[in-house]
N, C-alpha and C. Protein backbone atom coordinates (compact mmCIF):
# COMPACT_ATOMS: atom_id res chain seq x y z
N UNK A 1 75.94 109.78 100.98
CA UNK A 1 75.68 108.74 99.99
C UNK A 1 76.15 107.40 100.54
N UNK A 2 75.30 106.42 100.47
CA UNK A 2 75.61 105.09 100.97
C UNK A 2 76.60 104.39 100.04
N UNK A 3 77.57 103.66 100.61
CA UNK A 3 78.50 102.95 99.75
C UNK A 3 77.88 101.74 99.07
N UNK A 4 76.71 101.30 99.51
CA UNK A 4 76.06 100.13 98.92
C UNK A 4 75.09 100.59 97.85
N UNK A 5 75.26 100.08 96.66
CA UNK A 5 74.34 100.40 95.57
C UNK A 5 73.10 99.53 95.73
N UNK A 6 71.98 100.16 96.01
CA UNK A 6 70.77 99.39 96.24
C UNK A 6 69.89 99.33 95.00
N UNK A 7 69.97 100.31 94.13
CA UNK A 7 69.10 100.35 92.96
C UNK A 7 69.47 99.29 91.94
N UNK A 8 70.74 99.09 91.74
CA UNK A 8 71.16 98.10 90.74
C UNK A 8 72.40 97.38 91.25
N UNK A 9 72.18 96.21 91.79
CA UNK A 9 73.31 95.43 92.28
C UNK A 9 74.08 94.86 91.11
N UNK A 10 75.39 94.69 91.27
CA UNK A 10 76.19 94.07 90.21
C UNK A 10 75.67 92.67 89.89
N UNK A 11 75.85 92.25 88.65
CA UNK A 11 75.37 90.94 88.21
C UNK A 11 75.83 89.83 89.14
N UNK A 12 77.08 89.88 89.59
CA UNK A 12 77.62 88.79 90.40
C UNK A 12 76.90 88.65 91.73
N UNK A 13 76.26 89.70 92.23
CA UNK A 13 75.60 89.63 93.53
C UNK A 13 74.08 89.57 93.43
N UNK A 14 73.53 89.58 92.24
CA UNK A 14 72.07 89.55 92.11
C UNK A 14 71.48 88.25 92.60
N UNK A 15 72.12 87.14 92.31
CA UNK A 15 71.63 85.84 92.76
C UNK A 15 72.70 85.23 93.65
N UNK A 16 72.60 85.50 94.93
CA UNK A 16 73.64 85.03 95.86
C UNK A 16 73.31 83.69 96.49
N UNK A 17 72.15 83.12 96.19
CA UNK A 17 71.77 81.86 96.81
C UNK A 17 72.83 80.77 96.62
N UNK A 18 73.34 80.53 95.40
CA UNK A 18 74.37 79.50 95.25
C UNK A 18 75.64 79.82 96.06
N UNK A 19 76.04 81.07 96.07
CA UNK A 19 77.24 81.47 96.81
C UNK A 19 77.00 81.33 98.30
N UNK A 20 75.87 81.80 98.78
CA UNK A 20 75.55 81.71 100.20
C UNK A 20 75.50 80.27 100.63
N UNK A 21 74.90 79.41 99.83
CA UNK A 21 74.82 77.99 100.15
C UNK A 21 76.22 77.37 100.17
N UNK A 22 77.03 77.70 99.18
CA UNK A 22 78.38 77.14 99.10
C UNK A 22 79.25 77.59 100.27
N UNK A 23 78.98 78.79 100.78
CA UNK A 23 79.79 79.33 101.87
C UNK A 23 79.22 79.00 103.24
N UNK A 24 78.12 78.28 103.29
CA UNK A 24 77.44 78.02 104.56
C UNK A 24 78.34 77.35 105.59
N UNK A 25 79.23 76.48 105.14
CA UNK A 25 80.12 75.77 106.06
C UNK A 25 81.44 76.49 106.31
N UNK A 26 81.67 77.58 105.60
CA UNK A 26 82.92 78.32 105.77
C UNK A 26 82.92 79.02 107.12
N UNK A 27 84.00 78.85 107.86
CA UNK A 27 84.08 79.50 109.17
C UNK A 27 84.63 80.91 109.07
N UNK A 28 85.60 81.12 108.20
CA UNK A 28 86.21 82.44 107.99
C UNK A 28 86.46 82.62 106.51
N UNK A 29 85.41 82.85 105.70
CA UNK A 29 85.64 83.02 104.26
C UNK A 29 86.49 84.26 103.99
N UNK A 30 87.26 84.19 102.92
CA UNK A 30 88.10 85.32 102.51
C UNK A 30 87.65 85.79 101.14
N UNK A 31 87.45 87.09 101.03
CA UNK A 31 87.07 87.71 99.76
C UNK A 31 88.27 88.53 99.29
N UNK A 32 88.89 88.08 98.22
CA UNK A 32 90.07 88.76 97.68
C UNK A 32 89.61 89.70 96.57
N UNK A 33 89.81 91.00 96.78
CA UNK A 33 89.34 91.99 95.82
C UNK A 33 90.49 92.52 94.98
N UNK A 34 90.64 91.98 93.79
CA UNK A 34 91.64 92.46 92.84
C UNK A 34 90.89 93.31 91.81
N UNK A 35 90.38 94.43 92.28
CA UNK A 35 89.57 95.33 91.47
C UNK A 35 90.09 96.75 91.66
N UNK A 36 89.68 97.69 90.81
CA UNK A 36 90.10 99.07 91.02
C UNK A 36 89.67 99.58 92.40
N UNK A 37 90.53 100.37 93.03
CA UNK A 37 90.22 100.83 94.38
C UNK A 37 88.94 101.65 94.45
N UNK A 38 88.53 102.23 93.34
CA UNK A 38 87.28 103.01 93.33
C UNK A 38 86.06 102.12 93.57
N UNK A 39 86.21 100.81 93.41
CA UNK A 39 85.10 99.88 93.61
C UNK A 39 85.13 99.17 94.96
N UNK A 40 86.18 99.38 95.76
CA UNK A 40 86.30 98.69 97.04
C UNK A 40 85.07 98.90 97.93
N UNK A 41 84.68 100.14 98.14
CA UNK A 41 83.55 100.44 99.03
C UNK A 41 82.27 99.77 98.55
N UNK A 42 82.01 99.84 97.26
CA UNK A 42 80.81 99.23 96.69
C UNK A 42 80.84 97.72 96.86
N UNK A 43 81.98 97.10 96.54
CA UNK A 43 82.09 95.65 96.64
C UNK A 43 81.96 95.17 98.09
N UNK A 44 82.59 95.88 99.01
CA UNK A 44 82.51 95.50 100.43
C UNK A 44 81.08 95.69 100.93
N UNK A 45 80.47 96.82 100.61
CA UNK A 45 79.10 97.08 101.03
C UNK A 45 78.11 96.07 100.47
N UNK A 46 78.27 95.70 99.21
CA UNK A 46 77.36 94.73 98.59
C UNK A 46 77.52 93.34 99.20
N UNK A 47 78.72 92.98 99.57
CA UNK A 47 78.91 91.69 100.24
C UNK A 47 78.20 91.68 101.58
N UNK A 48 78.28 92.80 102.28
CA UNK A 48 77.56 92.91 103.55
C UNK A 48 76.06 92.83 103.34
N UNK A 49 75.54 93.55 102.35
CA UNK A 49 74.10 93.55 102.05
C UNK A 49 73.61 92.18 101.62
N UNK A 50 74.48 91.40 100.99
CA UNK A 50 74.11 90.06 100.53
C UNK A 50 74.28 89.01 101.61
N UNK A 51 74.75 89.42 102.79
CA UNK A 51 74.93 88.47 103.88
C UNK A 51 76.19 87.64 103.77
N UNK A 52 77.17 88.12 103.01
CA UNK A 52 78.39 87.34 102.80
C UNK A 52 79.56 87.83 103.66
N UNK A 53 79.31 88.72 104.60
CA UNK A 53 80.42 89.28 105.36
C UNK A 53 80.56 88.71 106.77
N UNK A 54 79.66 87.88 107.18
CA UNK A 54 79.71 87.34 108.55
C UNK A 54 80.99 86.54 108.77
N UNK A 55 81.80 86.96 109.72
CA UNK A 55 83.09 86.34 110.05
C UNK A 55 84.05 86.29 108.87
N UNK A 56 83.79 87.07 107.86
CA UNK A 56 84.62 87.04 106.65
C UNK A 56 85.78 88.03 106.76
N UNK A 57 86.78 87.76 105.96
CA UNK A 57 87.90 88.68 105.80
C UNK A 57 87.85 89.21 104.38
N UNK A 58 88.21 90.47 104.24
CA UNK A 58 88.30 91.08 102.92
C UNK A 58 89.75 91.46 102.70
N UNK A 59 90.31 90.97 101.64
CA UNK A 59 91.69 91.29 101.27
C UNK A 59 91.64 92.19 100.06
N UNK A 60 92.24 93.36 100.16
CA UNK A 60 92.21 94.30 99.04
C UNK A 60 93.62 94.51 98.50
N UNK A 61 93.70 94.70 97.20
CA UNK A 61 94.97 95.02 96.56
C UNK A 61 95.40 96.42 96.97
N UNK A 62 96.69 96.65 97.05
CA UNK A 62 97.19 97.99 97.31
C UNK A 62 96.95 98.84 96.07
N UNK A 63 96.82 100.10 96.19
CA UNK A 63 96.86 100.91 97.41
C UNK A 63 95.52 100.88 98.12
N UNK A 64 95.55 101.09 99.41
CA UNK A 64 94.36 101.13 100.25
C UNK A 64 93.96 102.59 100.40
N UNK A 65 93.22 103.10 99.43
CA UNK A 65 92.85 104.50 99.41
C UNK A 65 93.84 105.34 98.62
N UNK A 66 93.41 106.54 98.28
CA UNK A 66 94.26 107.46 97.52
C UNK A 66 95.12 108.32 98.42
N UNK A 67 94.64 108.53 99.65
CA UNK A 67 95.32 109.35 100.64
C UNK A 67 94.82 108.90 102.01
N UNK A 68 95.28 109.58 103.07
CA UNK A 68 94.88 109.17 104.42
C UNK A 68 93.37 109.26 104.63
N UNK A 69 92.75 110.30 104.14
CA UNK A 69 91.31 110.47 104.31
C UNK A 69 90.52 109.36 103.61
N UNK A 70 90.89 109.01 102.39
CA UNK A 70 90.16 107.95 101.67
C UNK A 70 90.46 106.58 102.28
N UNK A 71 91.66 106.38 102.81
CA UNK A 71 91.98 105.13 103.48
C UNK A 71 91.14 104.98 104.75
N UNK A 72 90.97 106.06 105.48
CA UNK A 72 90.13 106.02 106.68
C UNK A 72 88.67 105.74 106.33
N UNK A 73 88.19 106.34 105.25
CA UNK A 73 86.81 106.11 104.81
C UNK A 73 86.62 104.66 104.40
N UNK A 74 87.56 104.10 103.66
CA UNK A 74 87.47 102.70 103.26
C UNK A 74 87.50 101.79 104.48
N UNK A 75 88.32 102.10 105.45
CA UNK A 75 88.37 101.33 106.68
C UNK A 75 87.03 101.42 107.42
N UNK A 76 86.41 102.61 107.42
CA UNK A 76 85.11 102.78 108.06
C UNK A 76 84.05 101.89 107.39
N UNK A 77 84.06 101.87 106.05
CA UNK A 77 83.11 101.05 105.31
C UNK A 77 83.34 99.57 105.62
N UNK A 78 84.58 99.14 105.63
CA UNK A 78 84.89 97.74 105.92
C UNK A 78 84.43 97.36 107.31
N UNK A 79 84.64 98.23 108.29
CA UNK A 79 84.22 97.94 109.65
C UNK A 79 82.70 97.97 109.81
N UNK A 80 82.01 98.71 108.98
CA UNK A 80 80.56 98.84 109.12
C UNK A 80 79.81 97.58 108.72
N UNK A 81 80.40 96.72 107.93
CA UNK A 81 79.73 95.49 107.52
C UNK A 81 80.24 94.28 108.27
N UNK A 82 81.16 94.49 109.16
CA UNK A 82 81.73 93.38 109.93
C UNK A 82 80.74 92.79 110.89
């Protein structure tokens, strides 16, 4: 199962033109995710799909995964959109 939801993108990412335009001059944008950890993969994947991950940093609230296996999976997802 892909971490990116393609059938129904969250409202915040449906119209990314204003965000993409506003971030056009950003050299290293930072995306701070203060959301439930169950949404980290989806949020990271959707940012990548929307073209918002180029040279970006993603900062996530602790905990980073529920255990070692889920932390590794989250790291894999984060690296896949880099």
